[in-house]
């Protein structure tokens, strides 16, 4: 009987130990990537660069983004067998002498960093852009990566994985390469899918609609459809391809495609396909309304807010509202939902709403306040007030989540703070919109704004984010009835996915992902949401102290 209890305990301890080891290895890799990519710029090409090595050195920084796309594509293709692969990885790595390989990896990285410094130094020495230098540099980079993989798992695990998944890895590399090329073309606005031609045929009716809307407000309109120009005598906008609204149409199409695929069992087909034309028409009308409001704000209120705040955020606000509207419409109308008319529609359970609403309020108020600011978010105090109201409204639902904490929680938060500072790029904080906005305020207004910024960063934001990610999502990815999943229950899938999503929420996504892992480990340790919240609050409190004492405003930008 005793052995039946000892075995699960040993497995849990082994899983946590491996999680800490892998998190440390990921942190080391992230630090090395940031150190190399942020410190050095690629050498410029000149007419005298005839060697292929000079061209490869010039485009070497694209390796990291290409590798990320390939990794994500391979992960997507092997996802049906990911649980089995992770189980095998855990089994092979439990009693593995990984520290020796880690030591070799660190030595290889030091050598790689030295060679990189010699090649990428300014001014660039043309003699070091030769094929022998590139061969040595590439060999050291490959050795560094190989030794890191050997520190993660034994060599026979990787060889077996390559043999078993060779076709999946091949198509993953091909898919990642195609996605990288396509995204690069879209970013450069080469529009390989005919987006420019589509927008050109849509531009005239869009401008006519905007002109009609503005006609209700202004009589002295400037309207030049041949130049895609409209506005007033004081404020005019030129509707180019980049801000035409075609991005919104593309986003809503991709979103609806993913939504229809994920919830294909709950939707009725072919009726559900009507969401596509409804979404496209709605996002097009919303784009015209966005342009009209942009002109109104710029002409009658503030051109800075129109150009810097509303112009950047209004599109995302419209997309978010339309996406949520499509979800609500497909669930509420029997025309779209694959349910019987006599079956009542299930509503969200109180605990799910209590865990998610504060975070949704945070996101909504953040977008709105940013839309009506000119780079410096003067309306930030509204975020704090709105989240406090949401938390107070659902206060009774949080009682059973566990709010006791130990000294381990602030220790984890302090460790995350150190990681965050080490991965922070060197940015001139005096040129940020935050620092310049504070200078324009009076001393009293600046002090009041900073008080709300500290309260939001240290208290309300950690509570809202931890309730959503560590209270709801980390359990929802384990089982649909997440209320019955104990907070201490560990799953590699939910652990990794919630950490990555948490990282993508932040501009420093690598540091954010590592922070999400640490906060999740704080939660798993005792199954108390308070541990994750206190760890998060400690990190943000230390960042706030660092910002205020060192004037590192970029950390809050």
Protein backbone atom coordinates (compact mmCIF):
# COMPACT_ATOMS: atom_id res chain seq x y z
CA UNK A 1 0.00 0.00 0.00
CA UNK A 2 2.79 2.38 0.85
CA UNK A 3 4.44 1.88 -2.53
CA UNK A 4 1.19 2.86 -4.26
CA UNK A 5 1.44 6.30 -2.65
CA UNK A 6 5.20 6.67 -2.96
CA UNK A 7 5.23 6.14 -6.73
CA UNK A 8 2.91 9.09 -7.61
CA UNK A 9 4.81 11.33 -5.21
CA UNK A 10 8.14 10.40 -6.81
CA UNK A 11 6.70 10.99 -10.27
CA UNK A 12 5.43 14.43 -9.21
CA UNK A 13 8.81 15.36 -7.71
CA UNK A 14 10.58 14.16 -10.87
CA UNK A 15 8.24 16.20 -13.09
CA UNK A 16 8.82 19.35 -11.08
CA UNK A 17 12.59 18.80 -11.08
CA UNK A 18 12.59 18.34 -14.85
CA UNK A 19 10.39 21.39 -15.28
CA UNK A 20 12.87 23.51 -13.34
CA UNK A 21 15.79 22.10 -15.35
CA UNK A 22 14.13 22.70 -18.70
CA UNK A 23 13.05 26.18 -17.67
CA UNK A 24 16.67 26.96 -16.73
CA UNK A 25 17.89 25.66 -20.09
CA UNK A 26 15.27 27.74 -21.93
CA UNK A 27 16.29 30.80 -19.92
CA UNK A 28 19.94 30.22 -20.86
CA UNK A 29 19.07 29.88 -24.54
CA UNK A 30 16.85 32.99 -24.45
CA UNK A 31 19.58 35.01 -22.75
CA UNK A 32 22.15 33.94 -25.32
CA UNK A 33 19.88 34.79 -28.25
CA UNK A 34 19.06 38.21 -26.82
CA UNK A 35 22.72 38.86 -26.08
CA UNK A 36 23.84 38.06 -29.62
CA UNK A 37 20.98 39.63 -31.59
CA UNK A 38 20.69 42.81 -29.51
CA UNK A 39 24.40 43.53 -29.19
CA UNK A 40 25.50 43.23 -32.81
CA UNK A 41 24.19 44.58 -36.11
CA UNK A 42 24.64 42.70 -39.35
CA UNK A 43 27.45 44.02 -41.58
CA UNK A 44 26.34 46.19 -44.49
CA UNK A 45 26.85 45.02 -48.04
CA UNK A 46 29.00 46.95 -50.47
CA UNK A 47 29.64 46.68 -54.16
CA UNK A 48 32.98 45.02 -53.39
CA UNK A 49 31.35 42.12 -51.53
CA UNK A 50 31.56 39.39 -54.11
CA UNK A 51 31.85 36.41 -51.73
CA UNK A 52 28.73 34.45 -50.90
CA UNK A 53 29.84 34.51 -47.27
CA UNK A 54 29.40 38.30 -47.10
CA UNK A 55 25.81 37.94 -48.25
CA UNK A 56 25.15 35.18 -45.72
CA UNK A 57 26.62 37.31 -42.94
CA UNK A 58 24.39 40.19 -44.00
CA UNK A 59 21.23 38.07 -43.83
CA UNK A 60 22.29 36.09 -40.76
CA UNK A 61 19.87 37.92 -38.47
CA UNK A 62 16.98 36.38 -40.40
CA UNK A 63 18.09 32.97 -39.14
CA UNK A 64 16.37 33.51 -35.80
CA UNK A 65 12.96 34.42 -37.23
CA UNK A 66 13.20 31.63 -39.82
CA UNK A 67 14.09 29.13 -37.09
CA UNK A 68 11.11 30.24 -35.02
CA UNK A 69 8.71 29.72 -37.94
CA UNK A 70 10.19 26.29 -38.67
CA UNK A 71 9.96 25.28 -35.01
CA UNK A 72 6.31 26.35 -34.77
CA UNK A 73 5.44 24.56 -38.02
CA UNK A 74 7.12 21.32 -36.89
CA UNK A 75 5.38 21.60 -33.53
CA UNK A 76 2.03 22.01 -35.29
CA UNK A 77 2.53 18.96 -37.50
CA UNK A 78 3.66 16.65 -34.67
CA UNK A 79 1.04 18.01 -32.23
CA UNK A 80 -1.12 14.82 -32.41
CA UNK A 81 1.87 12.88 -31.03
CA UNK A 82 3.27 15.65 -28.84
CA UNK A 83 2.09 14.12 -25.57
CA UNK A 84 3.82 10.84 -26.42
CA UNK A 85 7.03 12.65 -27.44
CA UNK A 86 7.07 14.69 -24.22
CA UNK A 87 6.48 11.54 -22.17
CA UNK A 88 9.44 9.85 -23.88
CA UNK A 89 11.54 12.99 -23.35
CA UNK A 90 10.69 12.99 -19.65
CA UNK A 91 11.56 9.31 -19.36
CA UNK A 92 14.90 9.69 -21.15
CA UNK A 93 15.90 12.83 -19.22
CA UNK A 94 15.02 11.82 -15.66
CA UNK A 95 18.40 10.24 -14.74
CA UNK A 96 20.59 11.98 -17.31
CA UNK A 97 23.94 13.67 -16.65
CA UNK A 98 23.12 16.89 -18.39
CA UNK A 99 25.46 19.25 -16.51
CA UNK A 100 28.49 18.03 -18.48
CA UNK A 101 26.83 18.90 -21.77
CA UNK A 102 25.70 22.23 -20.37
CA UNK A 103 29.29 23.07 -19.44
CA UNK A 104 30.44 22.23 -22.99
CA UNK A 105 27.58 24.32 -24.35
CA UNK A 106 28.63 27.36 -22.31
CA UNK A 107 32.23 27.00 -23.51
CA UNK A 108 31.04 26.73 -27.12
CA UNK A 109 28.85 29.81 -26.71
CA UNK A 110 31.75 31.82 -25.29
CA UNK A 111 33.84 30.89 -28.33
CA UNK A 112 30.91 31.70 -30.63
CA UNK A 113 30.39 35.09 -28.94
CA UNK A 114 34.08 35.96 -29.33
CA UNK A 115 34.09 35.07 -33.03
CA UNK A 116 30.83 36.99 -33.53
CA UNK A 117 32.34 40.05 -31.85
CA UNK A 118 35.36 39.90 -34.16
CA UNK A 119 33.23 39.53 -37.31
CA UNK A 120 30.44 41.99 -36.50
CA UNK A 121 32.53 44.71 -34.92
CA UNK A 122 32.17 48.28 -36.25
CA UNK A 123 33.70 49.18 -38.66
CA UNK A 124 33.53 45.77 -40.29
CA UNK A 125 36.77 44.23 -41.46
CA UNK A 126 36.13 42.95 -45.03
CA UNK A 127 38.76 40.25 -44.56
CA UNK A 128 36.58 38.64 -41.86
CA UNK A 129 33.62 38.29 -44.22
CA UNK A 130 35.44 35.59 -46.18
CA UNK A 131 34.26 31.96 -46.58
CA UNK A 132 36.72 30.52 -43.98
CA UNK A 133 35.44 32.93 -41.32
CA UNK A 134 31.82 32.10 -42.17
CA UNK A 135 32.54 28.37 -42.08
CA UNK A 136 34.08 28.66 -38.61
CA UNK A 137 31.31 30.95 -37.39
CA UNK A 138 28.55 28.66 -38.67
CA UNK A 139 30.31 25.57 -37.25
CA UNK A 140 30.50 27.17 -33.79
CA UNK A 141 26.85 28.20 -33.97
CA UNK A 142 25.84 24.66 -34.90
CA UNK A 143 28.00 23.16 -32.15
CA UNK A 144 26.47 25.55 -29.59
CA UNK A 145 22.94 24.52 -30.58
CA UNK A 146 23.82 20.82 -30.68
CA UNK A 147 25.37 20.90 -27.20
CA UNK A 148 22.29 22.71 -25.86
CA UNK A 149 20.07 19.97 -27.29
CA UNK A 150 22.31 17.33 -25.69
CA UNK A 151 21.95 19.13 -22.37
CA UNK A 152 18.19 18.94 -22.83
CA UNK A 153 18.03 15.22 -23.69
CA UNK A 154 20.38 12.35 -24.62
CA UNK A 155 21.61 12.00 -28.17
CA UNK A 156 19.77 8.72 -28.79
CA UNK A 157 16.46 10.48 -28.02
CA UNK A 158 17.09 13.04 -30.77
CA UNK A 159 18.24 10.38 -33.26
CA UNK A 160 15.15 8.28 -32.60
CA UNK A 161 12.93 11.36 -32.91
CA UNK A 162 14.47 12.26 -36.27
CA UNK A 163 14.04 8.70 -37.57
CA UNK A 164 10.42 8.44 -36.44
CA UNK A 165 9.34 11.94 -37.46
CA UNK A 166 11.58 12.54 -40.47
CA UNK A 167 8.70 13.22 -42.87
CA UNK A 168 6.90 15.43 -40.34
CA UNK A 169 10.10 17.40 -39.71
CA UNK A 170 10.70 17.75 -43.46
CA UNK A 171 7.24 19.12 -44.15
CA UNK A 172 7.50 21.27 -41.02
CA UNK A 173 10.68 22.85 -42.36
CA UNK A 174 9.03 23.36 -45.74
CA UNK A 175 5.89 24.87 -44.18
CA UNK A 176 7.92 27.13 -41.88
CA UNK A 177 10.05 28.34 -44.78
CA UNK A 178 6.97 29.15 -46.87
CA UNK A 179 5.30 30.94 -43.96
CA UNK A 180 8.46 32.97 -43.31
CA UNK A 181 8.69 33.99 -46.98
CA UNK A 182 4.97 34.87 -47.16
CA UNK A 183 4.99 36.92 -43.96
CA UNK A 184 8.11 38.74 -45.15
CA UNK A 185 6.41 39.63 -48.40
CA UNK A 186 3.31 40.86 -46.57
CA UNK A 187 5.42 42.97 -44.20
CA UNK A 188 7.22 44.50 -47.16
CA UNK A 189 3.77 45.06 -48.71
CA UNK A 190 4.58 43.16 -51.86
CA UNK A 191 0.99 41.81 -51.65
CA UNK A 192 1.51 38.49 -53.50
CA UNK A 193 -2.17 37.57 -53.08
CA UNK A 194 -3.52 40.59 -54.92
CA UNK A 195 -4.44 42.64 -51.85
CA UNK A 196 -3.49 45.91 -53.50
CA UNK A 197 -5.67 45.25 -56.49
CA UNK A 198 -8.55 44.28 -54.22
CA UNK A 199 -8.17 47.45 -52.18
CA UNK A 200 -7.96 49.62 -55.28
CA UNK A 201 -11.35 48.32 -56.40
CA UNK A 202 -12.74 48.90 -52.91
CA UNK A 203 -11.16 52.32 -52.29
CA UNK A 204 -13.69 54.46 -54.15
CA UNK A 205 -16.84 53.15 -52.38
CA UNK A 206 -14.98 53.36 -49.06
CA UNK A 207 -14.02 56.98 -49.66
CA UNK A 208 -17.57 57.77 -50.78
CA UNK A 209 -18.99 56.27 -47.61
CA UNK A 210 -16.51 58.17 -45.42
CA UNK A 211 -17.29 61.35 -47.34
CA UNK A 212 -21.02 60.83 -46.70
CA UNK A 213 -20.44 60.25 -42.98
CA UNK A 214 -18.27 63.34 -42.64
CA UNK A 215 -20.82 65.38 -44.57
CA UNK A 216 -23.08 65.21 -41.53
CA UNK A 217 -20.43 67.01 -39.46
CA UNK A 218 -18.42 69.27 -41.80
CA UNK A 219 -19.28 71.42 -44.78
CA UNK A 220 -15.71 72.31 -45.88
CA UNK A 221 -14.53 68.84 -46.79
CA UNK A 222 -11.44 68.15 -48.88
CA UNK A 223 -12.25 65.19 -51.14
CA UNK A 224 -9.79 64.01 -53.79
CA UNK A 225 -10.57 60.36 -54.67
CA UNK A 226 -7.90 60.28 -57.39
CA UNK A 227 -5.29 60.78 -54.64
CA UNK A 228 -7.21 58.78 -51.98
CA UNK A 229 -7.26 61.98 -49.94
CA UNK A 230 -10.06 63.31 -47.75
CA UNK A 231 -10.57 65.39 -44.62
CA UNK A 232 -11.00 69.02 -43.72
CA UNK A 233 -8.93 72.10 -44.40
CA UNK A 234 -7.15 71.58 -41.05
CA UNK A 235 -6.70 67.81 -41.02
CA UNK A 236 -6.49 65.41 -43.96
CA UNK A 237 -5.68 61.74 -44.31
CA UNK A 238 -4.39 59.76 -47.26
CA UNK A 239 -5.77 56.24 -47.41
CA UNK A 240 -2.83 54.11 -48.44
CA UNK A 241 -2.63 50.34 -48.73
CA UNK A 242 -1.02 49.99 -45.30
CA UNK A 243 -3.98 51.57 -43.48
CA UNK A 244 -6.71 50.74 -45.96
CA UNK A 245 -8.46 48.10 -43.89
CA UNK A 246 -7.37 45.13 -45.97
CA UNK A 247 -5.44 43.89 -42.93
CA UNK A 248 -8.68 43.83 -40.95
CA UNK A 249 -10.43 41.86 -43.67
CA UNK A 250 -7.54 39.39 -43.77
CA UNK A 251 -7.51 39.05 -39.97
CA UNK A 252 -11.25 38.43 -39.69
CA UNK A 253 -11.07 35.82 -42.47
CA UNK A 254 -8.22 33.98 -40.73
CA UNK A 255 -9.95 34.25 -37.35
CA UNK A 256 -13.25 32.88 -38.68
CA UNK A 257 -11.46 30.03 -40.47
CA UNK A 258 -9.73 28.99 -37.24
CA UNK A 259 -12.92 29.45 -35.21
CA UNK A 260 -15.04 27.36 -37.59
CA UNK A 261 -12.43 24.59 -37.57
CA UNK A 262 -12.01 24.45 -33.79
CA UNK A 263 -15.76 24.52 -33.08
CA UNK A 264 -16.94 22.59 -36.14
CA UNK A 265 -18.88 20.14 -33.94
CA UNK A 266 -20.85 22.94 -32.27
CA UNK A 267 -21.67 24.80 -35.51
CA UNK A 268 -24.12 24.02 -38.29
CA UNK A 269 -22.77 23.76 -41.83
CA UNK A 270 -23.05 25.14 -44.48
CA UNK A 271 -24.93 27.87 -42.61
CA UNK A 272 -21.81 28.76 -40.61
CA UNK A 273 -20.04 29.86 -43.79
CA UNK A 274 -22.32 32.92 -43.86
CA UNK A 275 -20.12 34.28 -41.05
CA UNK A 276 -17.45 35.03 -43.66
CA UNK A 277 -19.41 37.59 -45.76
CA UNK A 278 -20.99 39.02 -42.59
CA UNK A 279 -17.56 39.46 -41.04
CA UNK A 280 -16.03 41.00 -44.15
CA UNK A 281 -18.88 43.47 -44.64
CA UNK A 282 -18.88 44.43 -40.96
CA UNK A 283 -15.12 44.96 -40.82
CA UNK A 284 -15.29 47.05 -44.01
CA UNK A 285 -18.02 49.27 -42.57
CA UNK A 286 -16.09 49.51 -39.31
CA UNK A 287 -13.01 50.61 -41.23
CA UNK A 288 -14.96 53.39 -42.95
CA UNK A 289 -16.34 54.50 -39.59
CA UNK A 290 -12.81 54.38 -38.15
CA UNK A 291 -11.52 56.70 -40.88
CA UNK A 292 -14.42 59.11 -40.33
CA UNK A 293 -13.84 59.23 -36.56
CA UNK A 294 -10.10 59.65 -37.17
CA UNK A 295 -10.78 62.77 -39.24
CA UNK A 296 -13.20 64.12 -36.64
CA UNK A 297 -10.68 63.66 -33.82
CA UNK A 298 -7.84 65.15 -35.84
CA UNK A 299 -9.83 68.13 -37.11
CA UNK A 300 -11.83 69.02 -33.99
CA UNK A 301 -9.82 67.75 -31.02
CA UNK A 302 -6.18 66.67 -31.37
CA UNK A 303 -4.15 65.68 -34.39
CA UNK A 304 -1.61 63.95 -32.10
CA UNK A 305 -4.25 61.69 -30.54
CA UNK A 306 -5.68 60.95 -33.98
CA UNK A 307 -2.30 60.04 -35.48
CA UNK A 308 -0.65 58.26 -32.53
CA UNK A 309 -3.43 56.84 -30.40
CA UNK A 310 -6.67 56.32 -32.27
CA UNK A 311 -5.05 55.43 -35.58
CA UNK A 312 -3.05 52.59 -34.00
CA UNK A 313 -5.68 51.15 -31.65
CA UNK A 314 -9.03 51.67 -33.37
CA UNK A 315 -8.45 48.87 -35.87
CA UNK A 316 -7.69 46.34 -33.11
CA UNK A 317 -10.70 47.50 -31.10
CA UNK A 318 -12.97 47.03 -34.10
CA UNK A 319 -11.48 43.60 -34.90
CA UNK A 320 -11.89 42.45 -31.28
CA UNK A 321 -15.50 43.58 -31.10
CA UNK A 322 -16.39 41.98 -34.43
CA UNK A 323 -14.65 38.71 -33.51
CA UNK A 324 -16.50 38.55 -30.18
CA UNK A 325 -19.72 39.46 -31.98
CA UNK A 326 -19.23 36.59 -34.43
CA UNK A 327 -18.74 34.15 -31.55
CA UNK A 328 -21.84 35.43 -29.73
CA UNK A 329 -23.92 35.38 -32.92
CA UNK A 330 -22.94 31.82 -33.78
CA UNK A 331 -23.81 30.61 -30.28
CA UNK A 332 -27.07 32.52 -29.86
CA UNK A 333 -28.75 31.93 -33.22
CA UNK A 334 -30.09 28.46 -34.05
CA UNK A 335 -29.28 29.22 -37.69
CA UNK A 336 -25.56 28.81 -36.87
CA UNK A 337 -25.49 26.60 -33.75
CA UNK A 338 -25.74 22.83 -34.17
CA UNK A 339 -28.11 22.42 -31.20
CA UNK A 340 -31.74 21.45 -30.93
CA UNK A 341 -34.26 24.23 -30.41
CA UNK A 342 -35.49 22.66 -27.15
CA UNK A 343 -32.02 22.58 -25.60
CA UNK A 344 -31.21 25.74 -23.68
CA UNK A 345 -28.00 27.56 -24.50
CA UNK A 346 -25.35 27.03 -21.85
CA UNK A 347 -24.11 30.15 -20.21
CA UNK A 348 -20.71 30.77 -18.69
CA UNK A 349 -20.34 29.50 -15.14
CA UNK A 350 -19.85 32.10 -12.43
CA UNK A 351 -16.28 30.99 -11.62
CA UNK A 352 -15.20 31.23 -15.27
CA UNK A 353 -16.64 34.73 -15.51
CA UNK A 354 -15.01 35.75 -12.22
CA UNK A 355 -11.60 34.57 -13.44
CA UNK A 356 -11.81 36.05 -16.95
CA UNK A 357 -13.78 39.28 -16.66
CA UNK A 358 -11.06 41.31 -14.83
CA UNK A 359 -8.54 40.40 -17.53
CA UNK A 360 -10.99 41.18 -20.34
CA UNK A 361 -11.73 44.52 -18.66
CA UNK A 362 -7.98 45.18 -18.50
CA UNK A 363 -7.56 44.48 -22.22
CA UNK A 364 -10.62 46.49 -23.25
CA UNK A 365 -9.79 49.57 -21.17
CA UNK A 366 -6.14 49.37 -22.28
CA UNK A 367 -7.11 49.51 -25.95
CA UNK A 368 -9.61 52.31 -25.44
CA UNK A 369 -7.29 54.43 -23.28
CA UNK A 370 -4.42 53.93 -25.74
CA UNK A 371 -6.68 54.92 -28.63
CA UNK A 372 -7.34 58.31 -27.02
CA UNK A 373 -3.75 59.11 -26.13
CA UNK A 374 -0.85 60.53 -28.13
CA UNK A 375 1.76 57.95 -27.16
CA UNK A 376 1.58 58.72 -23.43
CA UNK A 377 -1.43 57.00 -21.84
CA UNK A 378 -2.86 59.77 -19.67
CA UNK A 379 -5.99 57.67 -19.05
CA UNK A 380 -4.07 54.83 -17.36
CA UNK A 381 -5.84 55.42 -14.00
CA UNK A 382 -9.06 54.23 -15.68
CA UNK A 383 -7.50 50.76 -16.00
CA UNK A 384 -6.91 50.57 -12.26
CA UNK A 385 -10.43 51.75 -11.40
CA UNK A 386 -12.12 49.43 -13.90
CA UNK A 387 -10.20 46.34 -12.73
CA UNK A 388 -10.89 47.16 -9.07
CA UNK A 389 -14.62 47.36 -9.83
CA UNK A 390 -14.53 43.99 -11.64
CA UNK A 391 -12.55 42.32 -8.83
CA UNK A 392 -14.88 43.69 -6.18
CA UNK A 393 -17.95 42.51 -8.09
CA UNK A 394 -16.66 38.90 -8.20
CA UNK A 395 -14.91 38.96 -4.81
CA UNK A 396 -16.92 36.06 -3.32
CA UNK A 397 -15.92 33.70 -6.15
CA UNK A 398 -12.21 33.93 -5.27
CA UNK A 399 -12.48 32.56 -1.75
CA UNK A 400 -11.68 28.94 -2.59
CA UNK A 401 -8.59 29.55 -4.76
CA UNK A 402 -6.10 29.63 -1.88
CA UNK A 403 -4.46 32.89 -0.94
CA UNK A 404 -1.83 31.78 1.56
CA UNK A 405 1.75 32.18 0.46
CA UNK A 406 5.26 31.41 1.73
CA UNK A 407 8.66 33.02 1.30
CA UNK A 408 9.15 31.01 -1.90
CA UNK A 409 6.68 33.26 -3.74
CA UNK A 410 8.62 36.56 -3.42
CA UNK A 411 11.84 34.61 -4.08
CA UNK A 412 10.44 33.37 -7.40
CA UNK A 413 9.25 36.89 -8.19
CA UNK A 414 12.72 38.29 -7.47
CA UNK A 415 14.28 35.67 -9.77
CA UNK A 416 11.90 36.68 -12.55
CA UNK A 417 12.87 40.32 -11.99
CA UNK A 418 16.54 39.45 -12.47
CA UNK A 419 15.74 37.52 -15.68
CA UNK A 420 13.63 40.40 -16.97
CA UNK A 421 16.37 42.97 -16.37
CA UNK A 422 19.03 40.76 -17.98
CA UNK A 423 16.90 40.34 -21.11
CA UNK A 424 15.89 44.01 -21.30
CA UNK A 425 17.40 45.66 -24.41
CA UNK A 426 19.49 48.79 -24.00
CA UNK A 427 17.05 51.58 -24.92
CA UNK A 428 17.40 55.31 -24.35
CA UNK A 429 14.59 55.85 -21.81
CA UNK A 430 14.68 59.63 -22.22
CA UNK A 431 13.24 59.29 -25.73
CA UNK A 432 10.26 57.12 -24.78
CA UNK A 433 6.73 58.51 -24.98
CA UNK A 434 6.31 57.84 -21.26
CA UNK A 435 9.25 59.99 -20.16
CA UNK A 436 8.31 62.80 -22.55
CA UNK A 437 4.68 62.67 -21.44
CA UNK A 438 5.61 62.95 -17.77
CA UNK A 439 7.71 66.03 -18.50
CA UNK A 440 4.68 67.74 -20.04
CA UNK A 441 2.54 67.18 -16.92
CA UNK A 442 2.59 69.34 -13.82
CA UNK A 443 4.42 67.95 -10.81
CA UNK A 444 1.17 67.12 -9.03
CA UNK A 445 -0.39 65.44 -12.06
CA UNK A 446 2.79 63.46 -12.74
CA UNK A 447 2.93 62.26 -9.12
CA UNK A 448 -0.74 61.20 -9.19
CA UNK A 449 -0.27 59.39 -12.51
CA UNK A 450 2.78 57.53 -11.16
CA UNK A 451 0.85 56.48 -8.06
CA UNK A 452 -1.84 54.91 -10.25
CA UNK A 453 0.84 53.37 -12.51
CA UNK A 454 2.48 51.69 -9.52
CA UNK A 455 -0.87 50.50 -8.11
CA UNK A 456 -1.85 49.08 -11.48
CA UNK A 457 1.49 47.42 -12.12
CA UNK A 458 1.93 45.97 -8.63
CA UNK A 459 -1.65 45.09 -7.60
CA UNK A 460 -4.45 45.14 -10.18
CA UNK A 461 -2.60 43.86 -13.27
CA UNK A 462 -1.00 40.84 -11.50
CA UNK A 463 -4.38 39.90 -10.01
CA UNK A 464 -6.21 40.13 -13.34
CA UNK A 465 -3.52 38.27 -15.30
CA UNK A 466 -2.97 35.50 -12.75
CA UNK A 467 -6.68 34.82 -12.32
CA UNK A 468 -7.02 34.46 -16.10
CA UNK A 469 -3.85 32.51 -16.89
CA UNK A 470 -3.06 30.52 -13.74
CA UNK A 471 -6.59 30.39 -12.34
CA UNK A 472 -8.58 29.60 -15.49
CA UNK A 473 -6.60 28.84 -18.66
CA UNK A 474 -3.98 26.54 -17.13
CA UNK A 475 -6.79 24.25 -15.91
CA UNK A 476 -9.12 24.74 -18.87
CA UNK A 477 -6.45 23.23 -21.15
CA UNK A 478 -6.49 20.09 -19.01
CA UNK A 479 -10.26 19.53 -18.82
CA UNK A 480 -13.44 21.29 -19.91
CA UNK A 481 -14.83 21.19 -16.38
CA UNK A 482 -11.82 23.10 -15.09
CA UNK A 483 -13.50 23.69 -11.71
CA UNK A 484 -12.79 20.04 -10.84
CA UNK A 485 -9.11 20.29 -11.81
CA UNK A 486 -6.95 20.98 -8.73
CA UNK A 487 -4.56 23.89 -9.05
CA UNK A 488 -1.65 21.59 -8.22
CA UNK A 489 -2.30 19.29 -11.22
CA UNK A 490 0.54 19.53 -13.74
CA UNK A 491 0.30 19.16 -17.51
CA UNK A 492 3.12 19.90 -19.92
CA UNK A 493 0.70 21.05 -22.59
CA UNK A 494 -1.12 23.56 -20.40
CA UNK A 495 2.13 24.64 -18.71
CA UNK A 496 3.90 25.43 -21.98
CA UNK A 497 0.94 26.89 -23.88
CA UNK A 498 -0.18 29.23 -21.10
CA UNK A 499 3.41 30.39 -20.60
CA UNK A 500 3.87 31.15 -24.30
CA UNK A 501 0.51 32.95 -24.51
CA UNK A 502 1.43 34.94 -21.41
CA UNK A 503 4.72 35.85 -23.07
CA UNK A 504 3.03 36.96 -26.28
CA UNK A 505 0.89 39.29 -24.19
CA UNK A 506 4.02 41.28 -23.40
CA UNK A 507 6.29 43.14 -25.79
CA UNK A 508 9.32 41.27 -24.36
CA UNK A 509 7.79 37.92 -25.23
CA UNK A 510 10.82 35.78 -24.34
CA UNK A 511 11.10 37.29 -20.88
CA UNK A 512 7.30 37.12 -20.56
CA UNK A 513 7.27 33.41 -21.45
CA UNK A 514 9.94 32.64 -18.85
CA UNK A 515 8.02 34.71 -16.30
CA UNK A 516 4.84 32.75 -17.08
CA UNK A 517 6.73 29.49 -16.47
CA UNK A 518 8.00 30.72 -13.10
CA UNK A 519 4.57 31.88 -11.95
CA UNK A 520 3.09 28.54 -13.02
CA UNK A 521 5.73 26.68 -10.98
CA UNK A 522 4.85 28.88 -8.02
CA UNK A 523 1.24 27.77 -8.45
CA UNK A 524 2.10 24.07 -8.83
CA UNK A 525 4.24 24.02 -5.70
CA UNK A 526 1.28 24.12 -3.28
CA UNK A 527 -1.79 24.65 -5.45
CA UNK A 528 -2.36 28.16 -4.08
CA UNK A 529 -3.23 30.98 -6.50
CA UNK A 530 -1.80 33.35 -3.91
CA UNK A 531 1.72 32.02 -4.58
CA UNK A 532 1.52 32.95 -8.27
CA UNK A 533 -0.05 36.34 -7.50
CA UNK A 534 2.57 37.27 -4.87
CA UNK A 535 5.39 36.16 -7.19
CA UNK A 536 3.95 38.32 -9.99
CA UNK A 537 3.42 41.26 -7.63
CA UNK A 538 7.01 40.97 -6.36
CA UNK A 539 8.41 41.07 -9.89
CA UNK A 540 6.35 44.11 -10.84
CA UNK A 541 7.13 45.86 -7.55
CA UNK A 542 10.87 45.43 -8.10
CA UNK A 543 10.50 46.66 -11.68
CA UNK A 544 8.57 49.69 -10.40
CA UNK A 545 11.32 50.47 -7.88
CA UNK A 546 13.95 50.06 -10.60
CA UNK A 547 12.02 52.35 -12.97
CA UNK A 548 11.50 55.09 -10.40
CA UNK A 549 15.02 55.03 -8.97
CA UNK A 550 16.94 54.53 -12.23
CA UNK A 551 14.59 56.39 -14.60
CA UNK A 552 14.37 53.28 -16.82
CA UNK A 553 11.03 54.31 -18.33
CA UNK A 554 11.46 51.84 -21.19
CA UNK A 555 10.50 49.04 -18.78
CA UNK A 556 7.04 50.59 -18.54
CA UNK A 557 6.73 51.50 -22.23
